[in-house]
Amino acid sequence: MQFSLTVNGESLDIEAAPDDDLASVLRREGYTGVKCGCDGGICGASKVLIEGSAEMACGKAVQEADGATIQTIEGIGSQDELHPIQQAFVDHFAVQCGFCIPGMIVQTKELLEETPDPTEAEVREAIDDNLCRCTGYQKPVEAILDAAARMNGDGAVATDGGTPSAPNACEGTERNGETNE
């Protein structure tokens, strides 16, 4: 059976069985940033934006998405031109093993479009169904808050991995007889 999808701005006609898993279909079409972590739509690794809403593609039949506009992690930025969310994840060393991060970034994009200046609690709630097997949520939360500041144009770029509002940890320390200011 043929299904029509618009993925990252490109119209696609895809041959698939109606109950084929959307995540598997997208991966078969080359969108390998969509991860299949649980095969049940539970862990969040397969999140994509469907009509602007973050949804898990894993466990969703392709026929349910027929005619939809989908954005995957590949459509959010590129290797040469990272989206501010992606750059914040890199700068905060929040990419960790990288398996769950595409889903977190997709979820973050939806969050920041709906809530441009989220609180830490709102960030944690937004990614609470993204299972991180590295068990490290602190760095992604810091990256998301930094990304929000960057996208609002009022945040410093944290290229050292720290939070933009954090004081310089080296400030006032002495090294080789000189005080770092």
Foldseek 3Di string as FASTA:
>chain_A
DWFWEQELNRIDIDDDDQQPQQLVRVVVVPLPQQADDDLDQFQQLRWKQWQLRTGRSRNDGVNVRGPIYIYFLCSQAHPVGHQLLVLLCVQQVVCVVVRLVRSLSNLLVSCCVVPLQDDLVSSCVSCVRNDDPVPDDPSSSLSSNQSSCVVVVNFDRRNNNDRRVDPDPQAQPDDPNDGHD
